[in-house]
Amino acid sequence: MTSVLFVVSEEGYWGEECVEPLETLSETDADIDVATPSGGTPVVDERSVDPDTVGEETAERVKEVHENDERLQNPIPVADADADMYDAVVFPGGHGTEWDVNQDRHARALLREVVEREDGGKALVVCHAVGLLAFTRDSDGGFLVDGRDVTGFPNEWEEDIVDDRDRMPDGRKLPYWVEDEVEAAGGDWDAELDSDASVTVDGDLVTARGPESSAAAARTLVEVLGTTPPA
């Protein structure tokens, strides 16, 4: 059986970017666990459950899963997760990841270990969680993303969200812009802004641009893992 770990933010994950791959993988034979940086219940970004922002159908779906999925309600601390136990690790996005997941040394270790593993572990990193790549070193001390093709949340979109002092609508100061940091770490960035969705596969690393790419990202992960519907 395929085992997958979701590493979800306690500072505000984007609902669709977690729920879409979670539900897609739940329809296969995959066994799924959830982790958060401290082991507390993940927090959903309120904008991602706002019908005026994401539409009524998506808002209701995300709320239902967020409130009732036992895996999301009973996470383990990231520090307790063993990369060798999982065939894949999924990092849903959301601005909140910039304050916790992307800065967590255990999350960085999980990403490094699953991508470098000889038996072909996979990682799916979505939207703002792609910023994790800017802080993750490989086993030789270089940046894991150096020379890899990646997509993620682009500067062009960030400009429409933060003010000229990089403050979020809720007043929090955004610590960095994902595109800038990933490119500085050597990533070959292309968010494919002319496309409806953007998912990039480079070896064992799968990256996705944002919410509208969540479904395609989930399908891609299922394909690269070779998971099948349960009997």
Protein backbone atom coordinates (compact mmCIF):
# COMPACT_ATOMS: atom_id res chain seq x y z
CA MET A 1 0.00 0.00 0.00
CA THR A 2 1.18 3.51 -0.82
CA SER A 3 1.80 5.76 2.18
CA VAL A 4 1.54 9.55 1.93
CA LEU A 5 2.20 12.26 4.50
CA PHE A 6 0.61 15.72 4.27
CA VAL A 7 2.51 18.50 6.03
CA VAL A 8 -0.04 21.25 6.70
CA SER A 9 0.34 24.76 8.08
CA GLU A 10 -0.93 25.89 11.47
CA GLU A 11 -0.64 29.51 10.31
CA GLY A 12 -3.08 29.27 7.41
CA TYR A 13 -3.14 26.66 4.64
CA TRP A 14 -5.07 27.29 1.42
CA GLY A 15 -8.04 24.96 1.54
CA GLU A 16 -8.26 23.71 -2.03
CA GLU A 17 -4.52 23.03 -2.20
CA CYS A 18 -4.85 20.55 0.65
CA VAL A 19 -8.33 19.16 0.09
CA GLU A 20 -7.97 18.42 -3.62
CA PRO A 21 -4.94 16.09 -3.32
CA LEU A 22 -6.21 14.71 0.00
CA GLU A 23 -9.53 13.63 -1.48
CA THR A 24 -8.00 12.47 -4.76
CA LEU A 25 -5.51 10.23 -2.97
CA SER A 26 -8.25 9.02 -0.62
CA GLU A 27 -9.97 7.52 -3.66
CA THR A 28 -6.92 5.31 -4.28
CA ASP A 29 -5.26 2.64 -2.16
CA ALA A 30 -3.06 5.25 -0.45
CA ASP A 31 -2.76 5.35 3.33
CA ILE A 32 -2.62 9.01 4.44
CA ASP A 33 -1.24 10.70 7.55
CA VAL A 34 -1.17 14.41 8.42
CA ALA A 35 1.53 16.34 10.23
CA THR A 36 1.83 19.96 11.35
CA PRO A 37 4.91 21.75 12.70
CA SER A 38 3.89 21.49 16.36
CA GLY A 39 1.29 18.73 16.12
CA GLY A 40 -1.58 21.16 16.59
CA THR A 41 -4.67 21.18 14.40
CA PRO A 42 -4.00 22.86 11.04
CA VAL A 43 -5.56 26.25 10.45
CA VAL A 44 -7.31 27.05 7.18
CA ASP A 45 -6.83 30.45 5.56
CA GLU A 46 -10.19 32.20 5.96
CA ARG A 47 -9.96 33.60 2.45
CA SER A 48 -9.90 30.04 1.07
CA VAL A 49 -13.30 29.31 2.63
CA ASP A 50 -14.85 32.64 1.65
CA PRO A 51 -17.58 32.03 -0.97
CA ASP A 52 -16.94 35.47 -2.45
CA THR A 53 -13.31 34.52 -3.04
CA VAL A 54 -13.40 30.84 -4.04
CA GLY A 55 -17.06 30.23 -4.85
CA GLU A 56 -19.74 28.65 -2.72
CA GLU A 57 -19.11 25.06 -3.82
CA THR A 58 -15.38 25.14 -3.08
CA ALA A 59 -15.90 26.98 0.22
CA GLU A 60 -18.43 24.41 1.45
CA ARG A 61 -16.30 21.48 0.33
CA VAL A 62 -13.18 22.77 2.06
CA LYS A 63 -15.06 23.58 5.28
CA GLU A 64 -16.55 20.09 5.36
CA VAL A 65 -13.20 18.37 4.97
CA HIS A 66 -11.34 20.74 7.27
CA GLU A 67 -13.83 20.29 10.10
CA ASN A 68 -14.59 16.58 9.74
CA ASP A 69 -11.60 14.75 8.28
CA GLU A 70 -10.12 12.83 11.22
CA ARG A 71 -6.66 12.90 9.68
CA LEU A 72 -6.63 16.70 9.65
CA GLN A 73 -8.05 16.82 13.15
CA ASN A 74 -5.40 14.47 14.58
CA PRO A 75 -2.02 15.43 13.12
CA ILE A 76 1.36 14.33 14.38
CA PRO A 77 4.28 16.73 14.94
CA VAL A 78 6.51 17.01 11.88
CA ALA A 79 9.48 16.13 14.08
CA ASP A 80 7.94 12.71 14.73
CA ALA A 81 7.50 11.85 11.04
CA ASP A 82 9.90 9.35 9.48
CA ALA A 83 10.48 9.94 5.77
CA ASP A 84 11.29 6.25 5.26
CA MET A 85 7.69 5.37 6.16
CA TYR A 86 6.22 7.34 3.25
CA ASP A 87 6.24 6.97 -0.49
CA ALA A 88 5.37 10.64 -0.87
CA VAL A 89 5.15 13.84 1.15
CA VAL A 90 2.67 16.58 0.18
CA PHE A 91 3.16 20.21 1.18
CA PRO A 92 -0.06 22.21 0.55
CA GLY A 93 0.41 25.93 0.12
CA GLY A 94 -1.09 29.07 1.57
CA HIS A 95 0.63 32.21 2.83
CA GLY A 96 0.72 30.64 6.28
CA THR A 97 3.46 28.25 5.22
CA GLU A 98 5.88 31.15 5.11
CA TRP A 99 5.64 31.47 8.89
CA ASP A 100 5.87 27.81 9.87
CA VAL A 101 6.29 24.90 7.43
CA ASN A 102 8.84 26.59 5.17
CA GLN A 103 10.95 27.57 8.18
CA ASP A 104 10.74 24.20 9.94
CA ARG A 105 14.00 22.23 9.89
CA HIS A 106 12.15 18.94 10.25
CA ALA A 107 9.96 19.77 7.26
CA ARG A 108 13.09 20.58 5.27
CA ALA A 109 14.63 17.26 6.32
CA LEU A 110 11.51 15.37 5.26
CA LEU A 111 11.59 16.99 1.84
CA ARG A 112 15.28 16.30 1.36
CA GLU A 113 15.11 12.71 2.54
CA VAL A 114 12.10 11.70 0.47
CA VAL A 115 13.42 13.30 -2.74
CA GLU A 116 16.94 11.91 -2.36
CA ARG A 117 15.85 8.42 -1.35
CA GLU A 118 17.14 5.70 -3.66
CA ASP A 119 13.80 3.88 -3.84
CA GLY A 120 12.13 6.83 -5.53
CA GLY A 121 10.17 8.78 -2.93
CA LYS A 122 8.08 11.66 -4.28
CA ALA A 123 7.25 15.14 -3.06
CA LEU A 124 4.40 17.42 -4.13
CA VAL A 125 4.94 21.07 -3.14
CA VAL A 126 2.19 23.57 -3.90
CA CYS A 127 1.97 27.38 -4.19
CA HIS A 128 3.60 29.25 -1.27
CA ALA A 129 4.93 25.98 0.16
CA VAL A 130 7.32 26.00 -2.81
CA GLY A 131 9.21 28.55 -0.71
CA LEU A 132 10.38 25.55 1.32
CA LEU A 133 12.71 24.75 -1.57
CA ALA A 134 14.56 28.01 -1.03
CA PHE A 135 15.65 26.89 2.44
CA THR A 136 16.22 23.16 1.92
CA ARG A 137 19.77 21.89 1.44
CA ASP A 138 20.65 18.60 -0.18
CA SER A 139 22.91 16.05 1.50
CA ASP A 140 25.98 17.72 -0.02
CA GLY A 141 25.08 21.13 1.38
CA GLY A 142 23.83 22.72 -1.82
CA PHE A 143 20.30 23.94 -2.39
CA LEU A 144 17.95 21.08 -3.24
CA VAL A 145 16.22 23.22 -5.87
CA ASP A 146 19.42 24.26 -7.64
CA GLY A 147 19.07 23.39 -11.34
CA ARG A 148 15.56 21.96 -10.98
CA ASP A 149 12.54 23.04 -13.02
CA VAL A 150 9.87 24.40 -10.69
CA THR A 151 6.65 26.37 -10.60
CA GLY A 152 4.97 28.12 -7.70
CA PHE A 153 3.20 31.27 -6.53
CA PRO A 154 4.49 34.07 -8.78
CA ASN A 155 5.54 37.60 -7.92
CA GLU A 156 2.96 38.97 -10.33
CA TRP A 157 0.17 37.55 -8.18
CA GLU A 158 1.81 38.56 -4.90
CA GLU A 159 1.78 42.18 -6.06
CA ASP A 160 -2.02 42.07 -6.08
CA ILE A 161 -2.21 40.86 -2.47
CA VAL A 162 0.34 42.69 -0.34
CA ASP A 163 0.71 46.45 0.00
CA ASP A 164 3.88 48.40 -0.79
CA ARG A 165 5.29 47.40 2.60
CA ASP A 166 4.57 43.69 1.97
CA ARG A 167 1.74 43.62 4.49
CA MET A 168 -1.01 41.07 4.01
CA PRO A 169 -4.71 42.04 4.13
CA ASP A 170 -4.74 40.84 7.76
CA GLY A 171 -1.82 43.12 8.60
CA ARG A 172 0.90 40.48 8.82
CA LYS A 173 4.21 41.30 7.14
CA LEU A 174 5.05 38.79 4.43
CA PRO A 175 8.66 37.74 5.15
CA TYR A 176 9.64 36.94 1.55
CA TRP A 177 8.31 36.36 -1.96
CA VAL A 178 8.48 32.75 -3.09
CA GLU A 179 9.61 33.36 -6.66
CA ASP A 180 12.49 35.59 -5.57
CA GLU A 181 13.83 33.15 -2.99
CA VAL A 182 13.52 30.02 -5.12
CA GLU A 183 15.28 31.68 -8.05
CA ALA A 184 18.03 32.92 -5.71
CA ALA A 185 18.53 29.30 -4.60
CA GLY A 186 19.06 28.25 -8.21
CA GLY A 187 15.61 27.04 -9.21
CA ASP A 188 14.65 27.22 -12.89
CA TRP A 189 11.37 29.07 -12.35
CA ASP A 190 8.44 29.11 -14.78
CA ALA A 191 4.96 29.74 -13.37
CA GLU A 192 3.44 29.48 -16.87
CA LEU A 193 1.27 32.55 -16.38
CA ASP A 194 -0.36 32.10 -19.78
CA SER A 195 -1.72 28.68 -18.74
CA ASP A 196 -4.81 27.91 -16.68
CA ALA A 197 -2.79 25.53 -14.52
CA SER A 198 0.90 24.92 -13.93
CA VAL A 199 2.37 21.65 -12.66
CA THR A 200 6.05 20.80 -13.12
CA VAL A 201 7.71 17.42 -12.64
CA ASP A 202 11.48 17.28 -12.20
CA GLY A 203 12.61 13.84 -11.12
CA ASP A 204 10.99 13.00 -7.81
CA LEU A 205 9.87 16.59 -7.21
CA VAL A 206 6.43 17.82 -8.33
CA THR A 207 5.55 21.50 -7.91
CA ALA A 208 2.26 23.30 -8.57
CA ARG A 209 1.51 27.00 -8.99
CA GLY A 210 -1.61 27.62 -6.91
CA PRO A 211 -5.25 26.73 -6.17
CA GLU A 212 -6.33 26.36 -9.79
CA SER A 213 -3.51 23.85 -10.31
CA SER A 214 -4.52 21.66 -7.34
CA ALA A 215 -6.58 19.14 -9.31
CA ALA A 216 -3.88 18.70 -11.96
CA ALA A 217 -1.24 18.39 -9.23
CA ALA A 218 -3.26 15.70 -7.47
CA ARG A 219 -3.68 13.72 -10.70
CA THR A 220 0.01 14.06 -11.46
CA LEU A 221 0.98 12.73 -8.03
CA VAL A 222 -1.35 9.76 -8.43
CA GLU A 223 0.25 9.01 -11.79
CA VAL A 224 3.85 9.23 -10.60
CA LEU A 225 3.05 7.11 -7.53
CA GLY A 226 1.12 4.54 -9.53
CA THR A 227 -1.64 4.36 -6.94
CA THR A 228 -4.84 2.57 -7.88
CA PRO A 229 -8.48 2.70 -6.79
CA PRO A 230 -9.18 0.43 -3.81
CA ALA A 231 -10.63 -2.99 -4.58
